[in-house]
Amino acid sequence: MAPEISVNTINVSEKSHQSPSRRAYVTFLAGNGDYVKGVVGLAKGLRKVKSANPLVVAMLPDVPEEHREI
């Protein structure tokens, strides 16, 4: 049985779409495999290039606590 995922819908106007403060890099993290290494690498890469946009990581319920704390 798949986990229940809530969905929020956001209406984005053309003006807010162009605003740099409304942009982010978004990735998903699932399970207890090595995917966390990819997320850490992505975060380090964005810091290295001094990205103006934040990284948002959406974690599914099956991500272990030790991976959530990284």
N, C-alpha and C. Protein backbone atom coordinates (compact mmCIF):
# COMPACT_ATOMS: atom_id res chain seq x y z
N MET A 1 0.85 -1.18 0.00
CA MET A 1 0.00 0.00 0.00
C MET A 1 0.89 1.24 0.00
N ALA A 2 0.64 2.13 -0.91
CA ALA A 2 1.43 3.36 -1.04
C ALA A 2 1.12 4.32 0.11
N PRO A 3 2.13 5.09 0.56
CA PRO A 3 1.87 6.07 1.62
C PRO A 3 0.97 7.18 1.11
N GLU A 4 0.19 7.72 2.02
CA GLU A 4 -0.71 8.82 1.67
C GLU A 4 0.10 10.12 1.61
N ILE A 5 -0.02 10.83 0.51
CA ILE A 5 0.74 12.07 0.32
C ILE A 5 -0.24 13.21 0.15
N SER A 6 -0.08 14.25 0.98
CA SER A 6 -0.94 15.42 0.84
C SER A 6 -0.39 16.32 -0.25
N VAL A 7 -1.28 16.95 -0.99
CA VAL A 7 -0.89 17.81 -2.09
C VAL A 7 -1.46 19.20 -1.87
N ASN A 8 -0.60 20.21 -1.92
CA ASN A 8 -1.03 21.60 -1.83
C ASN A 8 -0.85 22.23 -3.19
N THR A 9 -1.86 22.93 -3.67
CA THR A 9 -1.78 23.59 -4.96
C THR A 9 -1.54 25.07 -4.75
N ILE A 10 -0.61 25.61 -5.52
CA ILE A 10 -0.28 27.03 -5.42
C ILE A 10 -0.51 27.66 -6.78
N ASN A 11 -1.27 28.75 -6.81
CA ASN A 11 -1.50 29.48 -8.04
C ASN A 11 -0.38 30.51 -8.18
N VAL A 12 0.45 30.36 -9.21
CA VAL A 12 1.59 31.23 -9.41
C VAL A 12 1.29 32.20 -10.54
N SER A 13 1.36 33.49 -10.22
CA SER A 13 1.14 34.50 -11.26
C SER A 13 2.42 34.69 -12.06
N GLU A 14 2.31 35.30 -13.23
CA GLU A 14 3.48 35.55 -14.08
C GLU A 14 4.51 36.41 -13.37
N LYS A 15 4.07 37.40 -12.61
CA LYS A 15 4.99 38.30 -11.92
C LYS A 15 5.80 37.56 -10.85
N SER A 16 5.14 36.74 -10.03
CA SER A 16 5.87 36.04 -8.98
C SER A 16 6.76 34.94 -9.56
N HIS A 17 6.40 34.42 -10.73
CA HIS A 17 7.21 33.39 -11.37
C HIS A 17 8.60 33.93 -11.73
N GLN A 18 8.70 35.20 -12.03
CA GLN A 18 9.95 35.79 -12.44
C GLN A 18 10.80 36.28 -11.27
N SER A 19 10.27 36.28 -10.09
CA SER A 19 10.98 36.76 -8.91
C SER A 19 11.99 35.72 -8.43
N PRO A 20 13.27 36.08 -8.33
CA PRO A 20 14.28 35.11 -7.88
C PRO A 20 14.01 34.57 -6.48
N SER A 21 13.35 35.35 -5.63
CA SER A 21 13.09 34.90 -4.26
C SER A 21 12.04 33.80 -4.21
N ARG A 22 11.36 33.54 -5.31
CA ARG A 22 10.32 32.51 -5.35
C ARG A 22 10.81 31.24 -6.04
N ARG A 23 12.08 31.12 -6.26
CA ARG A 23 12.64 29.96 -6.94
C ARG A 23 13.41 29.09 -5.96
N ALA A 24 13.44 27.80 -6.24
CA ALA A 24 14.18 26.87 -5.39
C ALA A 24 14.53 25.63 -6.21
N TYR A 25 15.57 24.95 -5.78
CA TYR A 25 15.89 23.64 -6.32
C TYR A 25 15.13 22.65 -5.44
N VAL A 26 14.34 21.78 -6.05
CA VAL A 26 13.52 20.84 -5.29
C VAL A 26 13.89 19.42 -5.71
N THR A 27 14.10 18.56 -4.71
CA THR A 27 14.37 17.15 -4.96
C THR A 27 13.61 16.32 -3.94
N PHE A 28 13.47 15.04 -4.23
CA PHE A 28 12.76 14.13 -3.34
C PHE A 28 13.73 13.08 -2.81
N LEU A 29 13.51 12.68 -1.57
CA LEU A 29 14.33 11.64 -0.95
C LEU A 29 13.39 10.54 -0.48
N ALA A 30 13.71 9.31 -0.89
CA ALA A 30 12.86 8.17 -0.53
C ALA A 30 13.72 6.99 -0.11
N GLY A 31 13.22 6.20 0.82
CA GLY A 31 13.86 4.96 1.21
C GLY A 31 15.13 5.12 2.02
N ASN A 32 15.78 3.97 2.24
CA ASN A 32 16.99 3.98 3.06
C ASN A 32 18.24 3.63 2.26
N GLY A 33 18.19 3.80 0.96
CA GLY A 33 19.34 3.49 0.11
C GLY A 33 20.35 4.62 0.09
N ASP A 34 21.17 4.60 -0.93
CA ASP A 34 22.24 5.59 -1.06
C ASP A 34 21.77 6.89 -1.69
N TYR A 35 20.47 7.06 -1.89
CA TYR A 35 19.97 8.30 -2.48
C TYR A 35 20.35 9.52 -1.65
N VAL A 36 20.51 9.33 -0.35
CA VAL A 36 20.87 10.45 0.52
C VAL A 36 22.23 11.03 0.11
N LYS A 37 23.11 10.19 -0.42
CA LYS A 37 24.42 10.69 -0.88
C LYS A 37 24.25 11.65 -2.04
N GLY A 38 23.30 11.38 -2.91
CA GLY A 38 23.02 12.29 -4.03
C GLY A 38 22.49 13.62 -3.56
N VAL A 39 21.64 13.59 -2.55
CA VAL A 39 21.09 14.84 -2.00
C VAL A 39 22.20 15.66 -1.34
N VAL A 40 23.07 14.99 -0.60
CA VAL A 40 24.20 15.68 0.03
C VAL A 40 25.11 16.27 -1.04
N GLY A 41 25.37 15.52 -2.09
CA GLY A 41 26.20 16.04 -3.19
C GLY A 41 25.58 17.24 -3.86
N LEU A 42 24.27 17.19 -4.07
CA LEU A 42 23.55 18.32 -4.66
C LEU A 42 23.67 19.55 -3.77
N ALA A 43 23.47 19.37 -2.47
CA ALA A 43 23.57 20.49 -1.53
C ALA A 43 24.97 21.10 -1.55
N LYS A 44 25.99 20.25 -1.55
CA LYS A 44 27.37 20.76 -1.58
C LYS A 44 27.66 21.50 -2.87
N GLY A 45 27.16 20.97 -3.98
CA GLY A 45 27.38 21.63 -5.27
C GLY A 45 26.72 22.99 -5.34
N LEU A 46 25.51 23.09 -4.80
CA LEU A 46 24.81 24.38 -4.80
C LEU A 46 25.52 25.39 -3.90
N ARG A 47 26.05 24.92 -2.78
CA ARG A 47 26.82 25.82 -1.91
C ARG A 47 28.11 26.27 -2.60
N LYS A 48 28.76 25.34 -3.29
CA LYS A 48 30.03 25.65 -3.95
C LYS A 48 29.88 26.74 -5.00
N VAL A 49 28.77 26.72 -5.74
CA VAL A 49 28.56 27.75 -6.77
C VAL A 49 27.83 28.97 -6.20
N LYS A 50 27.61 28.96 -4.88
CA LYS A 50 26.94 30.07 -4.20
C LYS A 50 25.58 30.38 -4.81
N SER A 51 24.77 29.32 -4.95
CA SER A 51 23.43 29.46 -5.53
C SER A 51 22.59 30.44 -4.70
N ALA A 52 21.90 31.32 -5.39
CA ALA A 52 21.02 32.28 -4.72
C ALA A 52 19.70 31.63 -4.32
N ASN A 53 19.42 30.47 -4.89
CA ASN A 53 18.15 29.78 -4.62
C ASN A 53 18.36 28.65 -3.62
N PRO A 54 17.41 28.46 -2.70
CA PRO A 54 17.55 27.42 -1.69
C PRO A 54 17.29 26.02 -2.26
N LEU A 55 17.72 25.02 -1.52
CA LEU A 55 17.44 23.62 -1.83
C LEU A 55 16.30 23.16 -0.92
N VAL A 56 15.27 22.60 -1.51
CA VAL A 56 14.14 22.04 -0.76
C VAL A 56 14.16 20.54 -0.98
N VAL A 57 14.20 19.77 0.11
CA VAL A 57 14.20 18.31 0.01
C VAL A 57 12.88 17.80 0.58
N ALA A 58 12.09 17.18 -0.27
CA ALA A 58 10.83 16.57 0.17
C ALA A 58 11.14 15.11 0.52
N MET A 59 10.89 14.74 1.77
CA MET A 59 11.21 13.39 2.23
C MET A 59 9.94 12.57 2.39
N LEU A 60 9.97 11.37 1.85
CA LEU A 60 8.85 10.45 2.02
C LEU A 60 8.93 9.80 3.40
N PRO A 61 7.82 9.27 3.89
CA PRO A 61 7.80 8.72 5.25
C PRO A 61 8.77 7.56 5.49
N ASP A 62 9.22 6.89 4.43
CA ASP A 62 10.10 5.74 4.63
C ASP A 62 11.58 6.09 4.76
N VAL A 63 11.91 7.38 4.82
CA VAL A 63 13.30 7.81 4.99
C VAL A 63 13.69 7.64 6.46
N PRO A 64 14.77 6.90 6.76
CA PRO A 64 15.17 6.68 8.15
C PRO A 64 15.55 7.99 8.86
N GLU A 65 15.40 7.99 10.16
CA GLU A 65 15.69 9.18 10.96
C GLU A 65 17.13 9.65 10.79
N GLU A 66 18.09 8.72 10.71
CA GLU A 66 19.49 9.13 10.58
C GLU A 66 19.75 9.85 9.25
N HIS A 67 18.97 9.55 8.22
CA HIS A 67 19.11 10.28 6.96
C HIS A 67 18.42 11.64 7.03
N ARG A 68 17.38 11.75 7.81
CA ARG A 68 16.66 13.02 7.96
C ARG A 68 17.51 14.05 8.69
N GLU A 69 18.42 13.62 9.53
CA GLU A 69 19.22 14.52 10.36
C GLU A 69 20.43 15.09 9.62
N ILE A 70 20.75 14.57 8.46
CA ILE A 70 21.94 15.03 7.72
C ILE A 70 21.71 16.43 7.21
